[in-house]
Each structure stands twice: as structure tokens, then as C-alpha cells.
């Protein structure tokens, strides 16, 4: 499926400048300007950006590795289903502060319920066998949810503070015949991991502090 992208623009910045009237040509050469006439329009600030994407994949009767005993290697016939939903959004309050949202849900199943299994031969071919899955069930149902919400503040040139909230849920079991809705319900029954962190990056110009090192030396 093609991604969906939304851009909302509501702010522009106009900068008006004009050379001084007195000795105008000389002032222009020197680069001295006063506010009035040479008009420039700065790049518009995009306030809101939203991108949504979905990926769906199915593969039937695929052959996949399931186990080995250091002598024999076993494969099984499986049906694979993958579904991924993602959402990214950014909102700029002004050129210095913004809030970002990142969301991803990935679901994948490998269904061996037809009980068709093989043994790997020395020439690379596969021979059908009877395989007991009671001790090693290859059926898989994997579901994960990630959500990141962050606030960014550029408080000085080259310097930024980021406050991040992260929510994560994970589930893995052998219920490969479940549909997406039932798998998602099981996912929300799992314990959630919540994390809050603060990251501060501060730019230090060596030219402004080098006297401190010279003083110590």
C-alpha cells in the first residue's frame, strides 16, 4: 500500500531590507543595510507533517528450517503472514520547539498446522517425514507495538534538549492460526514497558572557552 503523507503549512517569514539613502552605493559595497526595501521571503515553516504506511505480505507453502539434532536437519511447510502499520507525525510550534510521534505495530505468523515436514538430504533435497512437534512446536505468532513521543527544544545554536516517552509491548506464542484482531487483543494483555528519558546536547565553541585552557596551562 502506498504511504499517506500530509503537510500543513501556515507560517511564512518576510524579511525586508533597504540600503541607507546617504551614500547609497558605498553603503551597499560595505554591506550596511537598514530595514525597508530589498524584499526576501524566507523558506516557509511546515507546521505539521504526518506520514502513514502499511505493508502486508503473504507466502503460502513456504519451506522453512525448524530444528536439527546435529545429525539430521528438519524443515516444515508453512504459511507466512506479515502485517506492519507505521505512523510518523511532527508538529512545529516554532523554529525552536517541536513534538514528534513515532508508532509501529508489526505482526507475523508462521503456520505449520498442515503438519507437512521434511528431512534435509545430503544433496540439498527434502524428503517427507513424520515429525513430532510436542517438544518443539514451530508454529509462531509474533506481535510487537512501539510508540515514541518526544518533545524537542533547540535552546541555543547547535544545542538541543529532547524529552522522550517510550511505550513498548511484546508477545510471542505458538497460536499461529489467530487472526490479526485476536492477536492484537492478546498483545494488549501483556505487561507494558514504559520509559521516560531526557537527553541534552550542548554545543561549546572552542574559540569562546580556549582562554580557560590557556589559563590553566
Protein backbone atom coordinates (compact mmCIF):
# COMPACT_ATOMS: atom_id res chain seq x y z
CA UNK A 1 0.00 0.00 0.00
CA UNK A 2 1.27 3.47 -0.86
CA UNK A 3 2.22 5.71 2.10
CA UNK A 4 -0.01 8.61 3.08
CA UNK A 5 1.71 11.95 3.68
CA UNK A 6 0.07 15.15 4.96
CA UNK A 7 1.82 18.52 5.03
CA UNK A 8 0.22 21.54 6.69
CA UNK A 9 1.88 24.93 6.23
CA UNK A 10 0.71 28.09 7.94
CA UNK A 11 3.73 30.26 8.67
CA UNK A 12 5.93 32.37 6.43
CA UNK A 13 8.62 34.84 7.38
CA UNK A 14 9.25 38.02 5.37
CA UNK A 15 12.50 39.93 5.72
CA UNK A 16 12.57 43.47 4.29
CA UNK A 17 15.85 45.37 3.92
CA UNK A 18 16.95 48.53 2.16
CA UNK A 19 20.30 50.33 1.74
CA UNK A 20 20.84 53.63 3.57
CA UNK A 21 19.80 56.64 1.48
CA UNK A 22 23.03 58.52 2.23
CA UNK A 23 25.96 57.41 0.10
CA UNK A 24 23.82 54.50 -1.03
CA UNK A 25 26.27 52.88 -3.43
CA UNK A 26 29.14 52.98 -0.92
CA UNK A 27 26.96 51.53 1.84
CA UNK A 28 25.94 48.64 -0.38
CA UNK A 29 29.59 47.82 -1.05
CA UNK A 30 30.27 47.84 2.71
CA UNK A 31 27.30 45.60 3.37
CA UNK A 32 25.44 48.10 5.58
CA UNK A 33 21.67 47.83 5.34
CA UNK A 34 18.65 49.34 7.02
CA UNK A 35 15.19 47.79 7.31
CA UNK A 36 12.82 48.72 4.43
CA UNK A 37 13.14 47.70 0.83
CA UNK A 38 15.16 44.74 -0.58
CA UNK A 39 12.46 42.08 -0.04
CA UNK A 40 13.13 38.42 0.67
CA UNK A 41 10.75 35.67 1.66
CA UNK A 42 12.27 33.02 3.91
CA UNK A 43 11.56 29.30 3.46
CA UNK A 44 8.07 28.55 4.83
CA UNK A 45 7.90 26.65 8.09
CA UNK A 46 5.94 23.40 7.80
CA UNK A 47 3.88 23.16 10.99
CA UNK A 48 2.52 19.63 10.70
CA UNK A 49 3.86 16.56 8.87
CA UNK A 50 2.02 13.22 9.03
CA UNK A 51 3.11 10.02 7.26
CA UNK A 52 1.20 6.73 7.46
CA UNK A 53 2.30 3.47 5.86
CA UNK A 54 1.08 -0.14 5.80
CA UNK A 55 2.81 -3.26 4.48
CA UNK A 56 1.06 -6.65 4.00
CA UNK A 57 2.82 -9.83 2.88
CA UNK A 58 1.66 -13.45 2.48
CA UNK A 59 3.56 -16.52 1.29
CA UNK A 60 1.91 -19.93 1.09
CA UNK A 61 3.57 -23.37 1.28
CA UNK A 62 7.00 -21.95 2.05
CA UNK A 63 9.71 -24.34 3.28
CA UNK A 64 11.47 -23.28 6.47
CA UNK A 65 14.02 -24.66 8.94
CA UNK A 66 12.53 -25.86 12.24
CA UNK A 67 15.10 -27.99 14.09
CA UNK A 68 18.16 -30.25 13.98
CA UNK A 69 19.83 -32.84 16.21
CA UNK A 70 23.42 -32.24 14.99
CA UNK A 71 22.95 -35.12 12.53
CA UNK A 72 19.61 -34.56 10.81
CA UNK A 73 18.11 -31.21 9.79
CA UNK A 74 14.33 -30.76 9.67
CA UNK A 75 12.19 -28.43 7.59
CA UNK A 76 8.48 -27.76 7.54
CA UNK A 77 5.90 -26.39 5.14
CA UNK A 78 4.43 -23.15 6.44
CA UNK A 79 2.15 -20.29 5.52
CA UNK A 80 3.63 -16.89 6.36
CA UNK A 81 1.69 -13.69 7.03
CA UNK A 82 3.27 -10.30 7.83
CA UNK A 83 1.46 -7.05 8.56
CA UNK A 84 3.16 -3.78 9.52
CA UNK A 85 1.49 -0.46 10.34
CA UNK A 86 3.51 2.69 10.98
CA UNK A 87 2.72 6.32 11.68
CA UNK A 88 5.05 9.31 11.91
CA UNK A 89 3.94 12.81 12.83
CA UNK A 90 5.80 16.03 13.64
CA UNK A 91 4.38 19.36 14.76
CA UNK A 92 6.49 22.53 14.92
CA UNK A 93 5.36 25.08 17.49
CA UNK A 94 8.00 27.48 16.18
CA UNK A 95 11.52 27.16 14.66
CA UNK A 96 12.88 26.06 18.07
CA UNK A 97 10.29 23.69 19.57
CA UNK A 98 8.59 20.62 18.11
CA UNK A 99 6.80 17.45 19.13
CA UNK A 100 7.33 14.12 17.32
CA UNK A 101 5.27 10.92 17.32
CA UNK A 102 6.58 7.57 16.07
CA UNK A 103 4.35 4.47 16.10
CA UNK A 104 4.93 0.96 14.71
CA UNK A 105 2.98 -2.29 15.03
CA UNK A 106 4.40 -5.44 13.44
CA UNK A 107 2.57 -8.81 13.32
CA UNK A 108 3.96 -12.00 11.83
CA UNK A 109 2.81 -15.64 11.83
CA UNK A 110 4.35 -18.89 10.61
CA UNK A 111 1.66 -21.58 10.41
CA UNK A 112 2.76 -25.24 10.25
CA UNK A 113 -0.72 -26.60 11.08
CA UNK A 114 -0.83 -28.77 7.91
CA UNK A 115 1.84 -30.95 9.60
CA UNK A 116 3.96 -31.39 6.49
CA UNK A 117 7.61 -31.89 7.45
CA UNK A 118 10.82 -32.87 5.71
CA UNK A 119 14.35 -34.09 6.34
CA UNK A 120 17.24 -32.41 4.54
CA UNK A 121 19.23 -34.80 2.35
CA UNK A 122 22.95 -34.52 1.64
CA UNK A 123 22.26 -33.38 -1.94
CA UNK A 124 20.06 -30.49 -0.68
CA UNK A 125 16.73 -32.11 -1.50
CA UNK A 126 13.93 -32.68 1.03
CA UNK A 127 12.30 -36.00 1.94
CA UNK A 128 8.90 -36.14 3.70
CA UNK A 129 8.97 -37.48 7.27
CA UNK A 130 6.77 -37.74 10.35
CA UNK A 131 7.81 -35.11 12.89
CA UNK A 132 6.56 -34.79 16.45
CA UNK A 133 6.01 -31.12 17.37
CA UNK A 134 5.05 -31.81 21.01
CA UNK A 135 8.56 -30.95 22.26
CA UNK A 136 9.40 -28.27 19.69
CA UNK A 137 6.35 -26.52 18.26
CA UNK A 138 7.45 -24.43 15.22
CA UNK A 139 4.16 -22.53 14.96
CA UNK A 140 4.76 -18.85 15.68
CA UNK A 141 2.66 -15.77 16.36
CA UNK A 142 4.74 -12.63 16.89
CA UNK A 143 3.32 -9.18 17.67
CA UNK A 144 5.07 -6.01 18.81
CA UNK A 145 3.95 -2.45 19.49
CA UNK A 146 6.28 0.56 19.75
CA UNK A 147 5.26 4.16 20.44
CA UNK A 148 7.67 7.07 20.90
CA UNK A 149 6.50 10.57 21.83
CA UNK A 150 9.18 13.25 22.13
CA UNK A 151 9.47 16.99 22.67
CA UNK A 152 12.47 18.79 21.14
CA UNK A 153 13.74 22.23 22.14
CA UNK A 154 16.63 23.94 20.37
CA UNK A 155 17.57 26.34 23.15
CA UNK A 156 20.81 27.58 21.55
CA UNK A 157 22.64 27.20 18.22
CA UNK A 158 23.74 23.57 17.91
CA UNK A 159 22.19 22.73 21.29
CA UNK A 160 19.05 20.68 21.86
CA UNK A 161 17.09 19.07 24.69
CA UNK A 162 14.83 16.07 23.99
CA UNK A 163 12.27 14.66 26.41
CA UNK A 164 11.19 11.16 25.28
CA UNK A 165 8.35 8.88 26.38
CA UNK A 166 8.50 5.30 25.04
CA UNK A 167 5.81 2.62 25.28
CA UNK A 168 6.54 -0.96 24.19
CA UNK A 169 4.52 -4.21 24.26
CA UNK A 170 5.73 -7.59 23.00
CA UNK A 171 4.14 -11.01 22.62
CA UNK A 172 5.30 -14.32 21.16
CA UNK A 173 3.40 -17.62 21.27
CA UNK A 174 2.50 -20.66 19.14
CA UNK A 175 -1.05 -19.56 18.21
CA UNK A 176 -0.29 -19.20 14.50
CA UNK A 177 -3.92 -19.63 13.39
CA UNK A 178 -5.10 -16.48 15.18
CA UNK A 179 -6.25 -13.53 13.08
CA UNK A 180 -4.79 -10.07 13.46
CA UNK A 181 -7.57 -8.78 15.74
CA UNK A 182 -7.29 -11.68 18.19
CA UNK A 183 -3.51 -11.46 18.18
CA UNK A 184 -3.74 -7.73 18.95
CA UNK A 185 -6.09 -8.42 21.89
CA UNK A 186 -3.58 -10.92 23.29
CA UNK A 187 -0.83 -8.35 22.82
CA UNK A 188 -2.61 -5.77 25.00
CA UNK A 189 -2.92 -8.38 27.77
CA UNK A 190 0.88 -8.43 28.09
CA UNK A 191 2.88 -6.25 30.52
CA UNK A 192 3.79 -2.85 29.13
CA UNK A 193 7.23 -1.29 29.28
CA UNK A 194 7.17 2.49 29.81
CA UNK A 195 10.31 4.61 29.68
CA UNK A 196 10.92 8.34 30.16
CA UNK A 197 14.30 9.85 29.30
CA UNK A 198 15.89 13.27 28.89
CA UNK A 199 18.77 13.95 26.52
CA UNK A 200 20.60 17.27 26.40
CA UNK A 201 23.16 18.14 23.73
CA UNK A 202 25.10 21.38 24.26
CA UNK A 203 27.40 22.91 21.68
CA UNK A 204 30.56 24.53 23.07
CA UNK A 205 32.54 26.78 20.75
CA UNK A 206 36.22 26.24 21.49
CA UNK A 207 37.02 29.80 20.44
CA UNK A 208 34.92 31.07 23.34
CA UNK A 209 36.46 28.85 26.03
CA UNK A 210 40.03 28.33 24.89
CA UNK A 211 41.20 31.02 27.30
CA UNK A 212 40.23 28.68 30.15
CA UNK A 213 42.68 26.05 28.90
CA UNK A 214 45.38 28.67 28.33
CA UNK A 215 44.83 29.98 31.86
CA UNK A 216 45.24 26.54 33.41
CA UNK A 217 48.37 25.84 31.42
